[in-house]
Amino acid sequence: YPTNALKYNLTWSTDGLINEYLNPCEALVGGQRVSLAPLEDLEGFALDGVDYECFNTSGGLGTLGETLEGKARRVSYRTIRYPGHRDILRLLLTGLGLERRRDLLKDIFEHALPRTDQDVVVVFCTATGMIDGALREVSFLNKSLSAEVAGKRWSAIQITTAAGVCGVLDMVRSGHLPGRGFIGQEQV
């Protein structure tokens, strides 16, 4: 658990992190593709006795918006953090104007936030809709921790990123996916 005021440790690309926090967020609202503001739609929840918050961030929806337009009412990509993180970010980005100074924000993050490979990746998806004539809710949860793989310590974000790539390669190798051309994440 991070001990700094931002309740966050760096685990991957600082530029990618800043893009998530500042770029518009593709989403489906009312079945239509829209652009949402990053850091909005704050929600809190608890998982395994640990409190979290989540909010809009950019970059994770991929081709799902296009594929599910008109078929799903609401689809959005949100980032999960420890409570209080989003409010401090808003102070830094809007209150202090660092949203206009990405270079300075990157410098501050890289010199003030420690790096760690002891991270946690939480994937939590919930869908509500009709199944066999009844309103149902189905959820998926996966919580990944850093681990030793082949004698080397890997962060949870490294493991989960590699697992997705390896899974797709295995599906191509076994003939479950075409060997060439674009494949959207929802086809996997």
Protein backbone atom coordinates (compact mmCIF):
# COMPACT_ATOMS: atom_id res chain seq x y z
CA TYR A 1 0.00 0.00 0.00
CA PRO A 2 1.53 3.36 -1.01
CA THR A 3 2.42 5.58 1.95
CA ASN A 4 2.64 8.96 0.16
CA ALA A 5 -0.13 11.57 0.09
CA LEU A 6 -1.11 10.71 -3.50
CA LYS A 7 -1.51 7.05 -2.46
CA TYR A 8 0.23 5.95 -5.64
CA ASN A 9 3.59 4.52 -6.67
CA LEU A 10 4.87 4.51 -10.23
CA THR A 11 4.71 1.09 -11.87
CA TRP A 12 4.78 1.86 -15.60
CA SER A 13 5.15 4.67 -18.15
CA THR A 14 4.74 8.11 -16.57
CA ASP A 15 3.72 9.52 -19.97
CA GLY A 16 1.04 6.83 -20.29
CA LEU A 17 -0.21 7.60 -16.79
CA ILE A 18 -0.48 11.32 -17.58
CA ASN A 19 -2.34 10.54 -20.82
CA GLU A 20 -4.86 8.46 -18.85
CA TYR A 21 -5.46 11.39 -16.49
CA LEU A 22 -5.67 14.18 -19.09
CA ASN A 23 -6.99 12.83 -22.40
CA PRO A 24 -10.72 12.61 -23.23
CA CYS A 25 -12.34 9.27 -22.34
CA GLU A 26 -14.29 7.33 -24.96
CA ALA A 27 -17.45 5.76 -23.57
CA LEU A 28 -20.96 4.63 -24.41
CA VAL A 29 -23.74 6.55 -22.70
CA GLY A 30 -27.33 5.81 -23.65
CA GLY A 31 -25.96 3.43 -26.27
CA GLN A 32 -24.12 6.23 -28.11
CA ARG A 33 -20.39 6.91 -28.31
CA VAL A 34 -19.44 9.99 -26.34
CA SER A 35 -16.35 11.63 -24.92
CA LEU A 36 -16.25 11.95 -21.12
CA ALA A 37 -13.98 14.12 -19.02
CA PRO A 38 -11.15 12.30 -17.27
CA LEU A 39 -11.28 12.05 -13.46
CA GLU A 40 -15.10 12.40 -13.43
CA ASP A 41 -17.79 9.92 -12.31
CA LEU A 42 -16.04 9.14 -9.03
CA GLU A 43 -17.29 5.99 -7.27
CA GLY A 44 -16.12 4.24 -4.14
CA PHE A 45 -16.23 0.52 -3.40
CA ALA A 46 -14.63 -2.09 -1.16
CA LEU A 47 -13.06 -5.36 -2.25
CA ASP A 48 -11.71 -7.98 0.15
CA GLY A 49 -11.95 -5.41 2.95
CA VAL A 50 -9.90 -2.77 1.07
CA ASP A 51 -11.48 0.56 0.09
CA TYR A 52 -10.96 1.83 -3.46
CA GLU A 53 -12.21 4.60 -5.72
CA CYS A 54 -12.60 4.59 -9.48
CA PHE A 55 -13.07 7.32 -12.05
CA ASN A 56 -12.96 7.92 -15.82
CA THR A 57 -9.59 7.62 -17.51
CA SER A 58 -8.69 7.43 -21.18
CA GLY A 59 -7.23 4.73 -23.33
CA GLY A 60 -8.72 1.46 -22.15
CA LEU A 61 -11.92 1.08 -24.15
CA GLY A 62 -10.18 0.20 -27.41
CA THR A 63 -12.68 -0.82 -30.10
CA LEU A 64 -15.43 -1.78 -27.63
CA GLY A 65 -17.26 1.53 -28.08
CA GLU A 66 -17.60 1.01 -31.81
CA THR A 67 -18.49 -2.68 -31.48
CA LEU A 68 -21.09 -2.21 -28.74
CA GLU A 69 -22.65 1.06 -29.93
CA GLY A 70 -26.42 0.62 -29.93
CA LYS A 71 -26.09 -2.74 -28.16
CA ALA A 72 -25.01 -1.64 -24.68
CA ARG A 73 -26.37 1.33 -22.75
CA ARG A 74 -23.26 2.22 -20.74
CA VAL A 75 -19.65 1.16 -21.21
CA SER A 76 -16.74 3.10 -19.78
CA TYR A 77 -13.12 2.60 -18.81
CA ARG A 78 -12.27 3.56 -15.25
CA THR A 79 -9.10 3.46 -13.24
CA ILE A 80 -9.07 2.05 -9.72
CA ARG A 81 -7.01 3.81 -7.05
CA TYR A 82 -6.92 4.13 -3.28
CA PRO A 83 -9.38 6.71 -1.82
CA GLY A 84 -8.30 10.34 -2.03
CA HIS A 85 -6.05 9.91 -5.07
CA ARG A 86 -8.46 11.53 -7.52
CA ASP A 87 -9.04 14.64 -5.38
CA ILE A 88 -5.31 15.28 -5.01
CA LEU A 89 -4.88 14.81 -8.77
CA ARG A 90 -7.59 17.38 -9.46
CA LEU A 91 -5.79 19.85 -7.19
CA LEU A 92 -2.53 19.28 -9.06
CA LEU A 93 -4.02 19.28 -12.54
CA THR A 94 -6.71 21.95 -12.39
CA GLY A 95 -6.00 23.81 -9.18
CA LEU A 96 -2.31 24.30 -9.90
CA GLY A 97 -2.60 24.21 -13.69
CA LEU A 98 -0.33 21.23 -14.27
CA GLU A 99 -2.77 19.95 -16.91
CA ARG A 100 -1.15 22.57 -19.16
CA ARG A 101 2.39 21.58 -18.09
CA ARG A 102 2.72 17.86 -18.84
CA ASP A 103 6.51 18.13 -18.82
CA LEU A 104 6.52 19.60 -15.31
CA LEU A 105 3.90 17.10 -14.10
CA LYS A 106 6.05 14.24 -15.39
CA ASP A 107 9.12 15.67 -13.66
CA ILE A 108 7.21 16.02 -10.37
CA PHE A 109 5.82 12.47 -10.57
CA GLU A 110 9.19 10.94 -11.42
CA HIS A 111 11.01 12.77 -8.63
CA ALA A 112 8.35 12.66 -5.90
CA LEU A 113 6.69 9.26 -6.33
CA PRO A 114 8.60 6.06 -5.63
CA ARG A 115 8.64 3.20 -8.13
CA THR A 116 7.58 -0.25 -7.04
CA ASP A 117 7.12 -3.71 -8.46
CA GLN A 118 4.82 -4.61 -5.54
CA ASP A 119 1.66 -3.38 -7.22
CA VAL A 120 -1.88 -4.69 -7.50
CA VAL A 121 -3.95 -4.89 -10.69
CA VAL A 122 -7.69 -5.15 -10.09
CA VAL A 123 -10.01 -5.85 -13.02
CA PHE A 124 -13.68 -5.53 -12.09
CA CYS A 125 -16.46 -5.62 -14.69
CA THR A 126 -20.20 -5.69 -14.09
CA ALA A 127 -22.95 -6.12 -16.68
CA THR A 128 -26.67 -5.84 -16.00
CA GLY A 129 -29.29 -6.99 -18.48
CA MET A 130 -31.88 -9.56 -19.44
CA ILE A 131 -30.91 -13.25 -19.42
CA ASP A 132 -33.63 -15.81 -20.12
CA GLY A 133 -36.31 -13.17 -19.52
CA ALA A 134 -35.01 -12.13 -16.09
CA LEU A 135 -32.99 -9.08 -15.08
CA ARG A 136 -29.55 -10.32 -14.05
CA GLU A 137 -26.23 -8.89 -12.99
CA VAL A 138 -23.00 -10.70 -13.82
CA SER A 139 -19.61 -9.62 -12.48
CA PHE A 140 -16.02 -10.56 -13.23
CA LEU A 141 -13.19 -9.93 -10.79
CA ASN A 142 -9.50 -10.61 -11.08
CA LYS A 143 -6.94 -9.33 -8.60
CA SER A 144 -3.31 -9.83 -9.64
CA LEU A 145 -0.24 -9.28 -7.48
CA SER A 146 3.44 -9.04 -8.34
CA ALA A 147 5.15 -12.43 -8.44
CA GLU A 148 8.34 -14.25 -9.25
CA VAL A 149 8.29 -15.69 -12.76
CA ALA A 150 11.22 -17.77 -14.04
CA GLY A 151 13.41 -16.53 -11.18
CA LYS A 152 12.69 -12.82 -11.72
CA ARG A 153 10.33 -10.47 -9.84
CA TRP A 154 7.63 -9.06 -12.12
CA SER A 155 5.13 -6.35 -11.24
CA ALA A 156 1.42 -7.11 -11.52
CA ILE A 157 1.08 -4.67 -14.44
CA GLN A 158 3.93 -6.44 -16.26
CA ILE A 159 2.38 -9.87 -15.63
CA THR A 160 -1.12 -8.87 -16.72
CA THR A 161 0.14 -7.04 -19.81
CA ALA A 162 2.30 -10.01 -20.84
CA ALA A 163 -0.52 -12.48 -20.10
CA GLY A 164 -2.82 -10.73 -22.56
CA VAL A 165 -0.19 -10.74 -25.30
CA CYS A 166 0.76 -14.38 -24.61
CA GLY A 167 -2.90 -15.41 -24.60
CA VAL A 168 -3.49 -13.86 -28.02
CA LEU A 169 -0.31 -15.41 -29.44
CA ASP A 170 -1.40 -18.81 -28.14
CA MET A 171 -4.84 -18.37 -29.75
CA VAL A 172 -3.24 -17.44 -33.09
CA ARG A 173 -0.83 -20.40 -32.84
CA SER A 174 -3.66 -22.83 -32.09
CA GLY A 175 -5.81 -21.50 -34.95
CA HIS A 176 -8.51 -19.87 -32.78
CA LEU A 177 -7.71 -16.45 -34.26
CA PRO A 178 -6.59 -15.44 -37.75
CA GLY A 179 -2.84 -15.21 -38.25
CA ARG A 180 -3.04 -11.75 -39.76
CA GLY A 181 -5.14 -8.60 -39.85
CA PHE A 182 -6.71 -6.48 -37.14
CA ILE A 183 -8.26 -8.27 -34.18
CA GLY A 184 -10.27 -6.21 -31.69
CA GLN A 185 -10.00 -7.10 -28.01
CA GLU A 186 -13.63 -8.19 -27.98
CA GLN A 187 -12.84 -10.86 -30.59
CA VAL A 188 -10.41 -12.60 -28.24
